[in-house]
Amino acid sequence: MAGRSARRGAALRLAGQPGVKKEEARLLNDLAEIMPQASRLKEVTSLVGDRFTWLPEKTQRVSKKFPMLTYDERLPADLAELAIHLKP
């Protein structure tokens, strides 16, 4: 089973339209603010997700600040508890 888990991946994907070029609309900026607050991967995905809202039809999440940016959170259950940063 170790090989099966190794093949799984998790991705945080922030996709934007070509017209969105503002520096603060970048995933790396959000991660820089969020990472010190999170100790597990599931906390990172949750905190990034808090910056987005569901469209009425619940088909995708869009940025509260930049509605042209969408967020797709896919996290396998076996990676949710992955320690990424230990809080002091």
PDB file of N, CA and C in Angstrom:
ATOM      1  N   MET A   1       0.804  -1.201   0.000  1.00  0.00           N
ATOM      2  CA  MET A   1       0.000   0.000   0.000  1.00  0.00           C
ATOM      3  C   MET A   1       0.849   1.268   0.000  1.00  0.00           C
ATOM      4  N   ALA A   2       2.091   1.176   0.410  1.00  0.00           N
ATOM      5  CA  ALA A   2       2.932   2.379   0.446  1.00  0.00           C
ATOM      6  C   ALA A   2       3.073   2.982  -0.940  1.00  0.00           C
ATOM      7  N   GLY A   3       3.197   2.156  -1.952  1.00  0.00           N
ATOM      8  CA  GLY A   3       3.314   2.658  -3.319  1.00  0.00           C
ATOM      9  C   GLY A   3       2.073   3.405  -3.759  1.00  0.00           C
ATOM     10  N   ARG A   4       0.924   2.904  -3.325  1.00  0.00           N
ATOM     11  CA  ARG A   4      -0.331   3.551  -3.681  1.00  0.00           C
ATOM     12  C   ARG A   4      -0.395   4.950  -3.078  1.00  0.00           C
ATOM     13  N   SER A   5      -0.030   5.077  -1.820  1.00  0.00           N
ATOM     14  CA  SER A   5      -0.042   6.383  -1.164  1.00  0.00           C
ATOM     15  C   SER A   5       0.964   7.326  -1.796  1.00  0.00           C
ATOM     16  N   ALA A   6       2.103   6.782  -2.201  1.00  0.00           N
ATOM     17  CA  ALA A   6       3.146   7.609  -2.805  1.00  0.00           C
ATOM     18  C   ALA A   6       2.690   8.184  -4.136  1.00  0.00           C
ATOM     19  N   ARG A   7       1.801   7.483  -4.819  1.00  0.00           N
ATOM     20  CA  ARG A   7       1.330   7.967  -6.116  1.00  0.00           C
ATOM     21  C   ARG A   7       0.272   9.052  -5.969  1.00  0.00           C
ATOM     22  N   ARG A   8      -0.333   9.125  -4.802  1.00  0.00           N
ATOM     23  CA  ARG A   8      -1.361  10.143  -4.596  1.00  0.00           C
ATOM     24  C   ARG A   8      -0.708  11.501  -4.438  1.00  0.00           C
ATOM     25  N   GLY A   9      -1.435  12.498  -4.791  1.00  0.00           N
ATOM     26  CA  GLY A   9      -0.900  13.849  -4.653  1.00  0.00           C
ATOM     27  C   GLY A   9      -1.968  14.779  -4.138  1.00  0.00           C
ATOM     28  N   ALA A  10      -1.543  15.899  -3.671  1.00  0.00           N
ATOM     29  CA  ALA A  10      -2.471  16.937  -3.245  1.00  0.00           C
ATOM     30  C   ALA A  10      -2.058  18.210  -3.944  1.00  0.00           C
ATOM     31  N   ALA A  11      -3.026  18.959  -4.322  1.00  0.00           N
ATOM     32  CA  ALA A  11      -2.700  20.191  -5.035  1.00  0.00           C
ATOM     33  C   ALA A  11      -3.571  21.329  -4.558  1.00  0.00           C
ATOM     34  N   LEU A  12      -2.965  22.445  -4.377  1.00  0.00           N
ATOM     35  CA  LEU A  12      -3.684  23.684  -4.163  1.00  0.00           C
ATOM     36  C   LEU A  12      -3.534  24.427  -5.473  1.00  0.00           C
ATOM     37  N   ARG A  13      -4.623  24.685  -6.083  1.00  0.00           N
ATOM     38  CA  ARG A  13      -4.545  25.324  -7.393  1.00  0.00           C
ATOM     39  C   ARG A  13      -5.360  26.603  -7.363  1.00  0.00           C
ATOM     40  N   LEU A  14      -4.733  27.667  -7.721  1.00  0.00           N
ATOM     41  CA  LEU A  14      -5.390  28.955  -7.798  1.00  0.00           C
ATOM     42  C   LEU A  14      -5.308  29.376  -9.250  1.00  0.00           C
ATOM     43  N   ALA A  15      -6.435  29.421  -9.910  1.00  0.00           N
ATOM     44  CA  ALA A  15      -6.433  29.719 -11.340  1.00  0.00           C
ATOM     45  C   ALA A  15      -7.068  31.070 -11.583  1.00  0.00           C
ATOM     46  N   GLY A  16      -6.455  31.820 -12.439  1.00  0.00           N
ATOM     47  CA  GLY A  16      -6.998  33.137 -12.756  1.00  0.00           C
ATOM     48  C   GLY A  16      -7.124  33.351 -14.238  1.00  0.00           C
ATOM     49  N   GLN A  17      -7.816  34.372 -14.555  1.00  0.00           N
ATOM     50  CA  GLN A  17      -7.963  34.775 -15.938  1.00  0.00           C
ATOM     51  C   GLN A  17      -6.747  35.607 -16.330  1.00  0.00           C
ATOM     52  N   PRO A  18      -6.439  35.688 -17.601  1.00  0.00           N
ATOM     53  CA  PRO A  18      -5.264  36.447 -18.037  1.00  0.00           C
ATOM     54  C   PRO A  18      -5.242  37.896 -17.577  1.00  0.00           C
ATOM     55  N   GLY A  19      -6.391  38.512 -17.356  1.00  0.00           N
ATOM     56  CA  GLY A  19      -6.438  39.917 -16.970  1.00  0.00           C
ATOM     57  C   GLY A  19      -6.067  40.182 -15.515  1.00  0.00           C
ATOM     58  N   VAL A  20      -5.969  39.160 -14.677  1.00  0.00           N
ATOM     59  CA  VAL A  20      -5.660  39.345 -13.259  1.00  0.00           C
ATOM     60  C   VAL A  20      -4.157  39.260 -13.070  1.00  0.00           C
ATOM     61  N   LYS A  21      -3.522  40.396 -12.775  1.00  0.00           N
ATOM     62  CA  LYS A  21      -2.067  40.399 -12.635  1.00  0.00           C
ATOM     63  C   LYS A  21      -1.611  41.050 -11.336  1.00  0.00           C
ATOM     64  N   LYS A  22      -2.533  41.363 -10.460  1.00  0.00           N
ATOM     65  CA  LYS A  22      -2.165  42.039  -9.223  1.00  0.00           C
ATOM     66  C   LYS A  22      -1.326  41.115  -8.342  1.00  0.00           C
ATOM     67  N   GLU A  23      -0.300  41.671  -7.749  1.00  0.00           N
ATOM     68  CA  GLU A  23       0.607  40.896  -6.902  1.00  0.00           C
ATOM     69  C   GLU A  23      -0.137  40.212  -5.758  1.00  0.00           C
ATOM     70  N   GLU A  24      -1.105  40.901  -5.152  1.00  0.00           N
ATOM     71  CA  GLU A  24      -1.799  40.318  -4.005  1.00  0.00           C
ATOM     72  C   GLU A  24      -2.759  39.202  -4.406  1.00  0.00           C
ATOM     73  N   ALA A  25      -2.946  38.968  -5.675  1.00  0.00           N
ATOM     74  CA  ALA A  25      -3.829  37.903  -6.147  1.00  0.00           C
ATOM     75  C   ALA A  25      -3.079  36.594  -6.361  1.00  0.00           C
ATOM     76  N   ARG A  26      -1.882  36.492  -5.875  1.00  0.00           N
ATOM     77  CA  ARG A  26      -1.063  35.305  -6.103  1.00  0.00           C
ATOM     78  C   ARG A  26      -1.122  34.339  -4.911  1.00  0.00           C
ATOM     79  N   LEU A  27      -1.175  33.060  -5.216  1.00  0.00           N
ATOM     80  CA  LEU A  27      -1.254  32.024  -4.195  1.00  0.00           C
ATOM     81  C   LEU A  27      -0.076  32.103  -3.223  1.00  0.00           C
ATOM     82  N   LEU A  28       1.107  32.406  -3.717  1.00  0.00           N
ATOM     83  CA  LEU A  28       2.275  32.470  -2.838  1.00  0.00           C
ATOM     84  C   LEU A  28       2.110  33.532  -1.752  1.00  0.00           C
ATOM     85  N   ASN A  29       1.477  34.635  -2.070  1.00  0.00           N
ATOM     86  CA  ASN A  29       1.241  35.666  -1.061  1.00  0.00           C
ATOM     87  C   ASN A  29       0.285  35.162   0.014  1.00  0.00           C
ATOM     88  N   ASP A  30      -0.778  34.482  -0.395  1.00  0.00           N
ATOM     89  CA  ASP A  30      -1.710  33.911   0.577  1.00  0.00           C
ATOM     90  C   ASP A  30      -1.011  32.871   1.447  1.00  0.00           C
ATOM     91  N   LEU A  31      -0.205  32.024   0.832  1.00  0.00           N
ATOM     92  CA  LEU A  31       0.504  30.994   1.591  1.00  0.00           C
ATOM     93  C   LEU A  31       1.486  31.604   2.593  1.00  0.00           C
ATOM     94  N   ALA A  32       2.143  32.689   2.226  1.00  0.00           N
ATOM     95  CA  ALA A  32       3.083  33.343   3.137  1.00  0.00           C
ATOM     96  C   ALA A  32       2.369  33.825   4.398  1.00  0.00           C
ATOM     97  N   GLU A  33       1.139  34.276   4.266  1.00  0.00           N
ATOM     98  CA  GLU A  33       0.361  34.722   5.426  1.00  0.00           C
ATOM     99  C   GLU A  33      -0.211  33.549   6.218  1.00  0.00           C
ATOM    100  N   ILE A  34      -0.592  32.492   5.527  1.00  0.00           N
ATOM    101  CA  ILE A  34      -1.298  31.372   6.133  1.00  0.00           C
ATOM    102  C   ILE A  34      -0.376  30.363   6.812  1.00  0.00           C
ATOM    103  N   MET A  35       0.753  30.083   6.221  1.00  0.00           N
ATOM    104  CA  MET A  35       1.620  29.014   6.722  1.00  0.00           C
ATOM    105  C   MET A  35       1.986  29.143   8.201  1.00  0.00           C
ATOM    106  N   PRO A  36       2.292  30.326   8.721  1.00  0.00           N
ATOM    107  CA  PRO A  36       2.618  30.399  10.143  1.00  0.00           C
ATOM    108  C   PRO A  36       1.452  30.025  11.059  1.00  0.00           C
ATOM    109  N   GLN A  37       0.234  30.069  10.552  1.00  0.00           N
ATOM    110  CA  GLN A  37      -0.947  29.759  11.360  1.00  0.00           C
ATOM    111  C   GLN A  37      -1.330  28.284  11.303  1.00  0.00           C
ATOM    112  N   ALA A  38      -0.764  27.542  10.376  1.00  0.00           N
ATOM    113  CA  ALA A  38      -1.190  26.162  10.143  1.00  0.00           C
ATOM    114  C   ALA A  38      -0.106  25.171  10.544  1.00  0.00           C
ATOM    115  N   SER A  39      -0.537  24.049  11.076  1.00  0.00           N
ATOM    116  CA  SER A  39       0.416  22.991  11.400  1.00  0.00           C
ATOM    117  C   SER A  39       0.156  21.726  10.577  1.00  0.00           C
ATOM    118  N   ARG A  40      -0.999  21.642   9.960  1.00  0.00           N
ATOM    119  CA  ARG A  40      -1.370  20.480   9.150  1.00  0.00           C
ATOM    120  C   ARG A  40      -1.824  20.951   7.768  1.00  0.00           C
ATOM    121  N   LEU A  41      -1.676  20.107   6.778  1.00  0.00           N
ATOM    122  CA  LEU A  41      -2.049  20.465   5.415  1.00  0.00           C
ATOM    123  C   LEU A  41      -3.533  20.823   5.317  1.00  0.00           C
ATOM    124  N   LYS A  42      -4.393  20.118   6.053  1.00  0.00           N
ATOM    125  CA  LYS A  42      -5.824  20.430   5.988  1.00  0.00           C
ATOM    126  C   LYS A  42      -6.107  21.839   6.504  1.00  0.00           C
ATOM    127  N   GLU A  43      -5.294  22.344   7.432  1.00  0.00           N
ATOM    128  CA  GLU A  43      -5.472  23.708   7.919  1.00  0.00           C
ATOM    129  C   GLU A  43      -5.101  24.719   6.838  1.00  0.00           C
ATOM    130  N   VAL A  44      -4.079  24.407   6.065  1.00  0.00           N
ATOM    131  CA  VAL A  44      -3.681  25.294   4.973  1.00  0.00           C
ATOM    132  C   VAL A  44      -4.818  25.395   3.955  1.00  0.00           C
ATOM    133  N   THR A  45      -5.353  24.256   3.530  1.00  0.00           N
ATOM    134  CA  THR A  45      -6.414  24.282   2.531  1.00  0.00           C
ATOM    135  C   THR A  45      -7.655  24.996   3.056  1.00  0.00           C
ATOM    136  N   SER A  46      -7.943  24.834   4.338  1.00  0.00           N
ATOM    137  CA  SER A  46      -9.093  25.512   4.931  1.00  0.00           C
ATOM    138  C   SER A  46      -8.890  27.026   4.987  1.00  0.00           C
ATOM    139  N   LEU A  47      -7.705  27.448   5.416  1.00  0.00           N
ATOM    140  CA  LEU A  47      -7.424  28.882   5.514  1.00  0.00           C
ATOM    141  C   LEU A  47      -7.377  29.551   4.146  1.00  0.00           C
ATOM    142  N   VAL A  48      -6.835  28.865   3.147  1.00  0.00           N
ATOM    143  CA  VAL A  48      -6.875  29.419   1.790  1.00  0.00           C
ATOM    144  C   VAL A  48      -8.333  29.481   1.333  1.00  0.00           C
ATOM    145  N   GLY A  49      -9.076  28.441   1.588  1.00  0.00           N
ATOM    146  CA  GLY A  49     -10.488  28.398   1.189  1.00  0.00           C
ATOM    147  C   GLY A  49     -11.331  29.489   1.820  1.00  0.00           C
ATOM    148  N   ASP A  50     -10.947  29.945   3.018  1.00  0.00           N
ATOM    149  CA  ASP A  50     -11.683  31.027   3.683  1.00  0.00           C
ATOM    150  C   ASP A  50     -11.621  32.329   2.893  1.00  0.00           C
ATOM    151  N   ARG A  51     -10.668  32.435   2.015  1.00  0.00           N
ATOM    152  CA  ARG A  51     -10.516  33.651   1.195  1.00  0.00           C
ATOM    153  C   ARG A  51     -11.370  33.599  -0.070  1.00  0.00           C
ATOM    154  N   PHE A  52     -12.115  32.521  -0.214  1.00  0.00           N
ATOM    155  CA  PHE A  52     -12.961  32.312  -1.391  1.00  0.00           C
ATOM    156  C   PHE A  52     -14.395  32.061  -0.959  1.00  0.00           C
ATOM    157  N   THR A  53     -15.311  32.280  -1.863  1.00  0.00           N
ATOM    158  CA  THR A  53     -16.725  32.046  -1.590  1.00  0.00           C
ATOM    159  C   THR A  53     -17.314  31.183  -2.700  1.00  0.00           C
ATOM    160  N   TRP A  54     -18.320  30.379  -2.339  1.00  0.00           N
ATOM    161  CA  TRP A  54     -18.971  29.527  -3.335  1.00  0.00           C
ATOM    162  C   TRP A  54     -19.883  30.365  -4.214  1.00  0.00           C
ATOM    163  N   LEU A  55     -19.879  30.103  -5.499  1.00  0.00           N
ATOM    164  CA  LEU A  55     -20.857  30.701  -6.396  1.00  0.00           C
ATOM    165  C   LEU A  55     -22.223  30.119  -6.049  1.00  0.00           C
ATOM    166  N   PRO A  56     -23.312  30.821  -6.373  1.00  0.00           N
ATOM    167  CA  PRO A  56     -24.646  30.322  -5.994  1.00  0.00           C
ATOM    168  C   PRO A  56     -24.930  28.888  -6.428  1.00  0.00           C
ATOM    169  N   GLU A  57     -24.445  28.487  -7.580  1.00  0.00           N
ATOM    170  CA  GLU A  57     -24.712  27.122  -8.047  1.00  0.00           C
ATOM    171  C   GLU A  57     -23.766  26.094  -7.422  1.00  0.00           C
ATOM    172  N   LYS A  58     -22.858  26.551  -6.565  1.00  0.00           N
ATOM    173  CA  LYS A  58     -21.919  25.681  -5.829  1.00  0.00           C
ATOM    174  C   LYS A  58     -21.024  24.850  -6.741  1.00  0.00           C
ATOM    175  N   THR A  59     -20.731  25.357  -7.915  1.00  0.00           N
ATOM    176  CA  THR A  59     -19.877  24.622  -8.848  1.00  0.00           C
ATOM    177  C   THR A  59     -18.413  24.976  -8.676  1.00  0.00           C
ATOM    178  N   GLN A  60     -18.131  26.164  -8.167  1.00  0.00           N
ATOM    179  CA  GLN A  60     -16.745  26.562  -7.945  1.00  0.00           C
ATOM    180  C   GLN A  60     -16.693  27.675  -6.905  1.00  0.00           C
ATOM    181  N   ARG A  61     -15.496  27.850  -6.357  1.00  0.00           N
ATOM    182  CA  ARG A  61     -15.268  28.918  -5.391  1.00  0.00           C
ATOM    183  C   ARG A  61     -14.470  30.013  -6.074  1.00  0.00           C
ATOM    184  N   VAL A  62     -14.841  31.252  -5.792  1.00  0.00           N
ATOM    185  CA  VAL A  62     -14.156  32.393  -6.379  1.00  0.00           C
ATOM    186  C   VAL A  62     -13.617  33.286  -5.271  1.00  0.00           C
ATOM    187  N   SER A  63     -12.554  33.999  -5.590  1.00  0.00           N
ATOM    188  CA  SER A  63     -11.922  34.899  -4.635  1.00  0.00           C
ATOM    189  C   SER A  63     -12.884  35.996  -4.208  1.00  0.00           C
ATOM    190  N   LYS A  64     -12.864  36.316  -2.918  1.00  0.00           N
ATOM    191  CA  LYS A  64     -13.679  37.418  -2.410  1.00  0.00           C
ATOM    192  C   LYS A  64     -13.141  38.753  -2.907  1.00  0.00           C
ATOM    193  N   LYS A  65     -11.829  38.860  -3.102  1.00  0.00           N
ATOM    194  CA  LYS A  65     -11.211  40.105  -3.560  1.00  0.00           C
ATOM    195  C   LYS A  65     -11.151  40.201  -5.077  1.00  0.00           C
ATOM    196  N   PHE A  66     -10.909  39.075  -5.741  1.00  0.00           N
ATOM    197  CA  PHE A  66     -10.731  39.050  -7.192  1.00  0.00           C
ATOM    198  C   PHE A  66     -11.609  37.950  -7.777  1.00  0.00           C
ATOM    199  N   PRO A  67     -12.874  38.242  -8.065  1.00  0.00           N
ATOM    200  CA  PRO A  67     -13.815  37.205  -8.514  1.00  0.00           C
ATOM    201  C   PRO A  67     -13.394  36.428  -9.761  1.00  0.00           C
ATOM    202  N   MET A  68     -12.395  36.903 -10.475  1.00  0.00           N
ATOM    203  CA  MET A  68     -11.939  36.155 -11.650  1.00  0.00           C
ATOM    204  C   MET A  68     -11.047  34.980 -11.243  1.00  0.00           C
ATOM    205  N   LEU A  69     -10.596  34.931  -9.982  1.00  0.00           N
ATOM    206  CA  LEU A  69      -9.755  33.838  -9.502  1.00  0.00           C
ATOM    207  C   LEU A  69     -10.636  32.752  -8.907  1.00  0.00           C
ATOM    208  N   THR A  70     -10.340  31.512  -9.250  1.00  0.00           N
ATOM    209  CA  THR A  70     -11.089  30.387  -8.698  1.00  0.00           C
ATOM    210  C   THR A  70     -10.175  29.522  -7.840  1.00  0.00           C
ATOM    211  N   TYR A  71     -10.781  28.757  -6.933  1.00  0.00           N
ATOM    212  CA  TYR A  71     -10.026  27.894  -6.024  1.00  0.00           C
ATOM    213  C   TYR A  71     -10.573  26.485  -6.103  1.00  0.00           C
ATOM    214  N   ASP A  72      -9.693  25.538  -6.274  1.00  0.00           N
ATOM    215  CA  ASP A  72     -10.061  24.134  -6.345  1.00  0.00           C
ATOM    216  C   ASP A  72      -9.233  23.386  -5.307  1.00  0.00           C
ATOM    217  N   GLU A  73      -9.888  22.907  -4.286  1.00  0.00           N
ATOM    218  CA  GLU A  73      -9.205  22.215  -3.186  1.00  0.00           C
ATOM    219  C   GLU A  73      -9.427  20.714  -3.324  1.00  0.00           C
ATOM    220  N   ARG A  74      -8.361  20.004  -3.544  1.00  0.00           N
ATOM    221  CA  ARG A  74      -8.424  18.537  -3.608  1.00  0.00           C
ATOM    222  C   ARG A  74      -7.349  18.007  -2.674  1.00  0.00           C
ATOM    223  N   LEU A  75      -7.782  17.324  -1.654  1.00  0.00           N
ATOM    224  CA  LEU A  75      -6.854  16.831  -0.648  1.00  0.00           C
ATOM    225  C   LEU A  75      -7.238  15.407  -0.258  1.00  0.00           C
ATOM    226  N   PRO A  76      -6.431  14.423  -0.627  1.00  0.00           N
ATOM    227  CA  PRO A  76      -6.720  13.051  -0.215  1.00  0.00           C
ATOM    228  C   PRO A  76      -6.748  12.956   1.315  1.00  0.00           C
ATOM    229  N   ALA A  77      -7.672  12.172   1.824  1.00  0.00           N
ATOM    230  CA  ALA A  77      -7.849  12.048   3.272  1.00  0.00           C
ATOM    231  C   ALA A  77      -6.562  11.635   3.982  1.00  0.00           C
ATOM    232  N   ASP A  78      -5.751  10.796   3.356  1.00  0.00           N
ATOM    233  CA  ASP A  78      -4.540  10.334   4.022  1.00  0.00           C
ATOM    234  C   ASP A  78      -3.449  11.408   4.086  1.00  0.00           C
ATOM    235  N   LEU A  79      -3.645  12.547   3.426  1.00  0.00           N
ATOM    236  CA  LEU A  79      -2.682  13.652   3.518  1.00  0.00           C
ATOM    237  C   LEU A  79      -3.174  14.793   4.410  1.00  0.00           C
ATOM    238  N   ALA A  80      -4.422  14.748   4.817  1.00  0.00           N
ATOM    239  CA  ALA A  80      -5.010  15.848   5.591  1.00  0.00           C
ATOM    240  C   ALA A  80      -4.237  16.133   6.879  1.00  0.00           C
ATOM    241  N   GLU A  81      -3.746  15.105   7.541  1.00  0.00           N
ATOM    242  CA  GLU A  81      -3.043  15.278   8.813  1.00  0.00           C
ATOM    243  C   GLU A  81      -1.533  15.471   8.652  1.00  0.00           C
ATOM    244  N   LEU A  82      -1.083  15.604   7.433  1.00  0.00           N
ATOM    245  CA  LEU A  82       0.340  15.787   7.173  1.00  0.00           C
ATOM    246  C   LEU A  82       0.853  17.036   7.896  1.00  0.00           C
ATOM    247  N   ALA A  83       1.860  16.853   8.738  1.00  0.00           N
ATOM    248  CA  ALA A  83       2.457  17.982   9.476  1.00  0.00           C
ATOM    249  C   ALA A  83       3.334  18.779   8.530  1.00  0.00           C
ATOM    250  N   ILE A  84       3.071  20.069   8.472  1.00  0.00           N
ATOM    251  CA  ILE A  84       3.842  20.914   7.567  1.00  0.00           C
ATOM    252  C   ILE A  84       4.607  22.002   8.304  1.00  0.00           C
ATOM    253  N   HIS A  85       4.154  22.311   9.489  1.00  0.00           N
ATOM    254  CA  HIS A  85       4.778  23.382  10.257  1.00  0.00           C
ATOM    255  C   HIS A  85       4.385  23.147  11.702  1.00  0.00           C
ATOM    256  N   LEU A  86       5.357  23.021  12.560  1.00  0.00           N
ATOM    257  CA  LEU A  86       5.047  22.807  13.965  1.00  0.00           C
ATOM    258  C   LEU A  86       4.981  24.139  14.676  1.00  0.00           C
ATOM    259  N   LYS A  87       3.830  24.410  15.286  1.00  0.00           N
ATOM    260  CA  LYS A  87       3.674  25.650  16.030  1.00  0.00           C
ATOM    261  C   LYS A  87       4.475  25.568  17.315  1.00  0.00           C
ATOM    262  N   PRO A  88       5.101  26.677  17.707  1.00  0.00           N
ATOM    263  CA  PRO A  88       5.884  26.654  18.957  1.00  0.00           C
ATOM    264  C   PRO A  88       5.003  26.472  20.177  1.00  0.00           C
TER     265      PRO A  88
END
